[in-house]
């Protein structure tokens, strides 16, 4: 699966990028909202993993844009609420609250793409 992972914490990103690569995924990493917008407008991804507090962007706008393209999103959040928000096309986003384990990340990806 082709995944875009948008996270400003480079250590966390590096660890999870390696984990996802070991699981057979092709992972592109970006560190801010500007890079996220550029990549998602120029390339097709099967899934986007997005830090809800990504710098230089309105994450809600990015999520809405991805939902409109029918791209599943795993939203990483440190905030208390992990309620799923429905998109315009009926797709729900999967929310994963910090801190999370590798198995929780895998489960969130499986939930998002099915």
N, C-alpha and C. Protein backbone atom coordinates (compact mmCIF):
# COMPACT_ATOMS: atom_id res chain seq x y z
N UNK A 1 0.84 -1.17 0.00
CA UNK A 1 0.00 0.00 0.00
C UNK A 1 0.89 1.24 0.00
N UNK A 2 0.48 2.25 -0.75
CA UNK A 2 1.23 3.50 -0.83
C UNK A 2 0.67 4.47 0.22
N UNK A 3 1.53 4.84 1.19
CA UNK A 3 1.10 5.65 2.33
C UNK A 3 1.90 6.95 2.38
N UNK A 4 1.20 8.04 2.63
CA UNK A 4 1.84 9.32 2.95
C UNK A 4 1.73 9.50 4.45
N UNK A 5 2.88 9.69 5.11
CA UNK A 5 2.92 9.86 6.56
C UNK A 5 3.35 11.29 6.84
N UNK A 6 2.44 12.11 7.39
CA UNK A 6 2.69 13.52 7.65
C UNK A 6 2.79 13.74 9.16
N UNK A 7 4.02 13.96 9.62
CA UNK A 7 4.29 14.08 11.05
C UNK A 7 5.50 14.97 11.25
N UNK A 8 5.39 15.94 12.16
CA UNK A 8 6.51 16.86 12.38
C UNK A 8 7.57 16.31 13.32
N UNK A 9 7.23 15.30 14.13
CA UNK A 9 8.22 14.67 15.03
C UNK A 9 9.02 13.67 14.20
N UNK A 10 10.22 14.06 13.82
CA UNK A 10 11.01 13.25 12.89
C UNK A 10 11.44 11.91 13.47
N UNK A 11 11.67 11.85 14.79
CA UNK A 11 12.02 10.57 15.41
C UNK A 11 10.86 9.59 15.34
N UNK A 12 9.67 10.05 15.69
CA UNK A 12 8.48 9.21 15.61
C UNK A 12 8.24 8.78 14.17
N UNK A 13 8.36 9.71 13.27
CA UNK A 13 8.15 9.42 11.85
C UNK A 13 9.12 8.36 11.35
N UNK A 14 10.39 8.48 11.71
CA UNK A 14 11.40 7.52 11.28
C UNK A 14 11.07 6.11 11.79
N UNK A 15 10.68 6.01 13.06
CA UNK A 15 10.36 4.71 13.64
C UNK A 15 9.18 4.05 12.93
N UNK A 16 8.11 4.81 12.77
CA UNK A 16 6.92 4.24 12.14
C UNK A 16 7.10 4.03 10.64
N UNK A 17 7.90 4.84 10.01
CA UNK A 17 8.17 4.62 8.59
C UNK A 17 8.89 3.28 8.40
N UNK A 18 9.85 2.99 9.27
CA UNK A 18 10.56 1.70 9.20
C UNK A 18 9.60 0.54 9.47
N UNK A 19 8.75 0.69 10.47
CA UNK A 19 7.79 -0.36 10.80
C UNK A 19 6.87 -0.64 9.61
N UNK A 20 6.33 0.43 9.03
CA UNK A 20 5.42 0.25 7.90
C UNK A 20 6.12 -0.32 6.68
N UNK A 21 7.36 0.06 6.46
CA UNK A 21 8.14 -0.51 5.36
C UNK A 21 8.37 -2.00 5.59
N UNK A 22 8.64 -2.38 6.84
CA UNK A 22 8.83 -3.81 7.15
C UNK A 22 7.53 -4.59 6.91
N UNK A 23 6.39 -3.92 7.03
CA UNK A 23 5.11 -4.55 6.76
C UNK A 23 4.78 -4.58 5.27
N UNK A 24 5.70 -4.04 4.44
CA UNK A 24 5.53 -4.11 3.00
C UNK A 24 4.90 -2.87 2.36
N UNK A 25 4.74 -1.80 3.13
CA UNK A 25 4.14 -0.58 2.60
C UNK A 25 5.21 0.33 2.00
N UNK A 26 4.82 1.08 0.99
CA UNK A 26 5.67 2.12 0.41
C UNK A 26 5.29 3.42 1.11
N UNK A 27 6.23 4.00 1.87
CA UNK A 27 5.92 5.15 2.71
C UNK A 27 6.70 6.38 2.25
N UNK A 28 5.96 7.46 2.02
CA UNK A 28 6.54 8.78 1.75
C UNK A 28 6.33 9.60 3.01
N UNK A 29 7.37 10.31 3.44
CA UNK A 29 7.22 11.12 4.65
C UNK A 29 7.30 12.60 4.34
N UNK A 30 6.51 13.37 5.07
CA UNK A 30 6.52 14.83 5.00
C UNK A 30 6.43 15.37 6.41
N UNK A 31 6.90 16.61 6.59
CA UNK A 31 7.06 17.15 7.93
C UNK A 31 6.15 18.33 8.25
N UNK A 32 5.43 18.84 7.26
CA UNK A 32 4.53 19.96 7.54
C UNK A 32 3.36 19.95 6.57
N UNK A 33 2.42 20.86 6.81
CA UNK A 33 1.21 20.90 6.02
C UNK A 33 1.43 21.32 4.58
N UNK A 34 2.40 22.17 4.34
CA UNK A 34 2.68 22.61 2.97
C UNK A 34 3.13 21.41 2.14
N UNK A 35 4.07 20.63 2.67
CA UNK A 35 4.53 19.43 1.96
C UNK A 35 3.38 18.43 1.77
N UNK A 36 2.54 18.32 2.78
CA UNK A 36 1.39 17.41 2.70
C UNK A 36 0.47 17.81 1.56
N UNK A 37 0.15 19.09 1.48
CA UNK A 37 -0.74 19.58 0.41
C UNK A 37 -0.13 19.36 -0.96
N UNK A 38 1.17 19.62 -1.09
CA UNK A 38 1.84 19.43 -2.38
C UNK A 38 1.81 17.96 -2.79
N UNK A 39 2.19 17.08 -1.88
CA UNK A 39 2.24 15.65 -2.20
C UNK A 39 0.85 15.09 -2.54
N UNK A 40 -0.15 15.47 -1.75
CA UNK A 40 -1.48 14.90 -1.99
C UNK A 40 -2.16 15.48 -3.23
N UNK A 41 -1.69 16.64 -3.68
CA UNK A 41 -2.27 17.18 -4.91
C UNK A 41 -1.56 16.65 -6.15
N UNK A 42 -0.32 16.16 -5.99
CA UNK A 42 0.44 15.72 -7.15
C UNK A 42 0.58 14.20 -7.27
N UNK A 43 0.27 13.47 -6.20
CA UNK A 43 0.41 12.01 -6.22
C UNK A 43 -0.81 11.35 -5.61
N UNK A 44 -1.03 10.09 -5.95
CA UNK A 44 -2.15 9.31 -5.44
C UNK A 44 -1.63 8.39 -4.33
N UNK A 45 -2.31 8.42 -3.18
CA UNK A 45 -1.97 7.56 -2.05
C UNK A 45 -3.16 6.70 -1.69
N UNK A 46 -2.86 5.49 -1.19
CA UNK A 46 -3.90 4.59 -0.73
C UNK A 46 -4.38 4.97 0.67
N UNK A 47 -3.51 5.66 1.42
CA UNK A 47 -3.80 6.05 2.80
C UNK A 47 -2.91 7.22 3.16
N UNK A 48 -3.44 8.13 3.98
CA UNK A 48 -2.64 9.21 4.54
C UNK A 48 -2.73 9.11 6.06
N UNK A 49 -1.57 9.14 6.70
CA UNK A 49 -1.49 9.22 8.16
C UNK A 49 -1.07 10.64 8.46
N UNK A 50 -1.90 11.37 9.21
CA UNK A 50 -1.72 12.81 9.38
C UNK A 50 -1.77 13.20 10.84
N UNK A 51 -0.73 13.87 11.32
CA UNK A 51 -0.75 14.45 12.65
C UNK A 51 -1.74 15.61 12.64
N UNK A 52 -2.70 15.57 13.54
CA UNK A 52 -3.74 16.61 13.59
C UNK A 52 -3.15 17.99 13.87
N UNK A 53 -1.96 18.05 14.46
CA UNK A 53 -1.32 19.33 14.78
C UNK A 53 -0.14 19.61 13.85
N UNK A 54 -0.23 19.14 12.62
CA UNK A 54 0.87 19.35 11.67
C UNK A 54 1.11 20.85 11.48
N UNK A 55 2.38 21.28 11.54
CA UNK A 55 2.66 22.72 11.37
C UNK A 55 2.35 23.21 9.95
N UNK A 56 2.10 24.48 9.84
CA UNK A 56 1.93 25.16 8.55
C UNK A 56 0.69 24.73 7.79
N UNK A 57 -0.36 24.31 8.50
CA UNK A 57 -1.56 23.91 7.77
C UNK A 57 -2.76 23.83 8.70
N UNK A 58 -3.91 23.86 8.08
CA UNK A 58 -5.17 23.59 8.75
C UNK A 58 -5.46 22.12 8.48
N UNK A 59 -5.24 21.28 9.49
CA UNK A 59 -5.39 19.84 9.27
C UNK A 59 -6.81 19.47 8.87
N UNK A 60 -7.81 20.19 9.37
CA UNK A 60 -9.19 19.91 8.96
C UNK A 60 -9.39 20.11 7.47
N UNK A 61 -8.75 21.14 6.92
CA UNK A 61 -8.86 21.39 5.48
C UNK A 61 -8.19 20.26 4.69
N UNK A 62 -7.03 19.79 5.15
CA UNK A 62 -6.34 18.68 4.48
C UNK A 62 -7.21 17.43 4.53
N UNK A 63 -7.77 17.14 5.71
CA UNK A 63 -8.62 15.95 5.88
C UNK A 63 -9.83 16.02 4.95
N UNK A 64 -10.48 17.17 4.89
CA UNK A 64 -11.64 17.34 4.01
C UNK A 64 -11.26 17.11 2.56
N UNK A 65 -10.12 17.67 2.15
CA UNK A 65 -9.66 17.49 0.78
C UNK A 65 -9.41 16.01 0.47
N UNK A 66 -8.79 15.30 1.39
CA UNK A 66 -8.52 13.88 1.19
C UNK A 66 -9.82 13.08 1.16
N UNK A 67 -10.74 13.41 2.06
CA UNK A 67 -12.04 12.73 2.06
C UNK A 67 -12.77 12.93 0.75
N UNK A 68 -12.69 14.13 0.20
CA UNK A 68 -13.34 14.42 -1.08
C UNK A 68 -12.72 13.62 -2.22
N UNK A 69 -11.46 13.22 -2.06
CA UNK A 69 -10.79 12.37 -3.05
C UNK A 69 -10.96 10.89 -2.71
N UNK A 70 -11.72 10.62 -1.65
CA UNK A 70 -11.96 9.26 -1.18
C UNK A 70 -10.68 8.55 -0.73
N UNK A 71 -9.79 9.31 -0.12
CA UNK A 71 -8.55 8.75 0.43
C UNK A 71 -8.75 8.56 1.93
N UNK A 72 -8.58 7.33 2.44
CA UNK A 72 -8.72 7.11 3.87
C UNK A 72 -7.62 7.84 4.64
N UNK A 73 -7.97 8.31 5.85
CA UNK A 73 -7.04 9.06 6.68
C UNK A 73 -7.02 8.49 8.09
N UNK A 74 -5.81 8.26 8.59
CA UNK A 74 -5.61 7.97 10.01
C UNK A 74 -5.09 9.27 10.60
N UNK A 75 -5.87 9.84 11.52
CA UNK A 75 -5.51 11.11 12.14
C UNK A 75 -4.87 10.83 13.48
N UNK A 76 -3.63 11.30 13.65
CA UNK A 76 -2.92 11.17 14.92
C UNK A 76 -3.26 12.38 15.77
N UNK A 77 -3.69 12.14 17.00
CA UNK A 77 -4.11 13.25 17.84
C UNK A 77 -3.68 13.06 19.29
N UNK A 78 -3.38 14.17 19.92
CA UNK A 78 -3.09 14.17 21.35
C UNK A 78 -4.29 14.66 22.12
N UNK A 79 -5.33 15.02 21.42
CA UNK A 79 -6.53 15.56 22.04
C UNK A 79 -7.43 14.43 22.52
N UNK A 80 -8.25 14.74 23.49
CA UNK A 80 -9.10 13.75 24.13
C UNK A 80 -10.11 13.09 23.22
N UNK A 81 -10.71 13.83 22.33
CA UNK A 81 -11.78 13.27 21.51
C UNK A 81 -11.21 12.54 20.30
N UNK A 82 -11.64 11.30 20.14
CA UNK A 82 -11.23 10.52 18.96
C UNK A 82 -12.45 10.13 18.15
N UNK A 83 -13.53 10.87 18.29
CA UNK A 83 -14.74 10.56 17.54
C UNK A 83 -14.46 10.64 16.05
N UNK A 84 -15.03 9.73 15.34
CA UNK A 84 -14.88 9.74 13.89
C UNK A 84 -15.75 10.84 13.31
N UNK A 85 -15.19 11.56 12.37
CA UNK A 85 -15.96 12.58 11.65
C UNK A 85 -16.26 12.05 10.26
N UNK A 86 -17.49 12.16 9.87
CA UNK A 86 -17.88 11.68 8.53
C UNK A 86 -17.47 12.70 7.50
N UNK A 87 -17.04 12.22 6.38
CA UNK A 87 -16.67 13.11 5.28
C UNK A 87 -17.89 13.38 4.42
N UNK A 88 -17.69 14.23 3.43
CA UNK A 88 -18.77 14.56 2.49
C UNK A 88 -19.23 13.33 1.72
N UNK A 89 -18.33 12.39 1.48
CA UNK A 89 -18.68 11.19 0.72
C UNK A 89 -18.99 10.00 1.63
N UNK A 90 -19.12 10.25 2.92
CA UNK A 90 -19.51 9.19 3.83
C UNK A 90 -18.36 8.41 4.45
N UNK A 91 -17.14 8.68 4.07
CA UNK A 91 -16.01 7.97 4.65
C UNK A 91 -15.72 8.55 6.03
N UNK A 92 -15.46 7.70 6.98
CA UNK A 92 -15.06 8.16 8.30
C UNK A 92 -13.56 8.09 8.42
N UNK A 93 -13.01 8.99 9.17
CA UNK A 93 -11.58 8.97 9.44
C UNK A 93 -11.33 8.16 10.70
N UNK A 94 -10.18 7.52 10.75
CA UNK A 94 -9.80 6.76 11.92
C UNK A 94 -8.87 7.64 12.75
N UNK A 95 -9.13 7.71 14.05
CA UNK A 95 -8.32 8.54 14.94
C UNK A 95 -7.50 7.65 15.85
N UNK A 96 -6.24 8.02 16.02
CA UNK A 96 -5.31 7.29 16.86
C UNK A 96 -4.68 8.28 17.83
N UNK A 97 -4.87 8.04 19.11
CA UNK A 97 -4.43 8.99 20.13
C UNK A 97 -3.01 8.66 20.60
N UNK A 98 -2.17 9.73 20.67
CA UNK A 98 -0.83 9.60 21.23
C UNK A 98 -0.93 9.29 22.71
N UNK A 99 -0.05 8.51 23.31
CA UNK A 99 0.92 7.64 22.64
C UNK A 99 0.22 6.36 22.16
N UNK A 100 0.79 5.74 21.13
CA UNK A 100 0.20 4.52 20.60
C UNK A 100 1.30 3.52 20.30
N UNK A 101 0.92 2.27 20.27
CA UNK A 101 1.87 1.18 20.03
C UNK A 101 1.87 0.80 18.56
N UNK A 102 2.88 0.05 18.12
CA UNK A 102 2.88 -0.43 16.74
C UNK A 102 1.62 -1.24 16.39
N UNK A 103 1.15 -2.05 17.33
CA UNK A 103 -0.05 -2.85 17.04
C UNK A 103 -1.28 -1.95 16.90
N UNK A 104 -1.35 -0.87 17.67
CA UNK A 104 -2.46 0.07 17.53
C UNK A 104 -2.40 0.78 16.17
N UNK A 105 -1.19 1.10 15.72
CA UNK A 105 -1.02 1.73 14.40
C UNK A 105 -1.49 0.78 13.30
N UNK A 106 -1.08 -0.48 13.40
CA UNK A 106 -1.51 -1.47 12.40
C UNK A 106 -3.02 -1.63 12.39
N UNK A 107 -3.63 -1.67 13.58
CA UNK A 107 -5.08 -1.81 13.67
C UNK A 107 -5.79 -0.61 13.08
N UNK A 108 -5.26 0.60 13.31
CA UNK A 108 -5.87 1.82 12.77
C UNK A 108 -5.79 1.82 11.24
N UNK A 109 -4.67 1.37 10.69
CA UNK A 109 -4.53 1.30 9.24
C UNK A 109 -5.53 0.30 8.66
N UNK A 110 -5.64 -0.86 9.29
CA UNK A 110 -6.59 -1.87 8.82
C UNK A 110 -8.02 -1.34 8.87
N UNK A 111 -8.36 -0.63 9.93
CA UNK A 111 -9.71 -0.06 10.06
C UNK A 111 -9.96 1.00 8.97
N UNK A 112 -8.96 1.81 8.71
CA UNK A 112 -9.13 2.91 7.76
C UNK A 112 -9.33 2.43 6.33
N UNK A 113 -8.66 1.36 5.96
CA UNK A 113 -8.72 0.93 4.56
C UNK A 113 -9.82 -0.09 4.29
N UNK A 114 -10.50 -0.54 5.31
CA UNK A 114 -11.58 -1.52 5.09
C UNK A 114 -12.93 -0.92 5.31
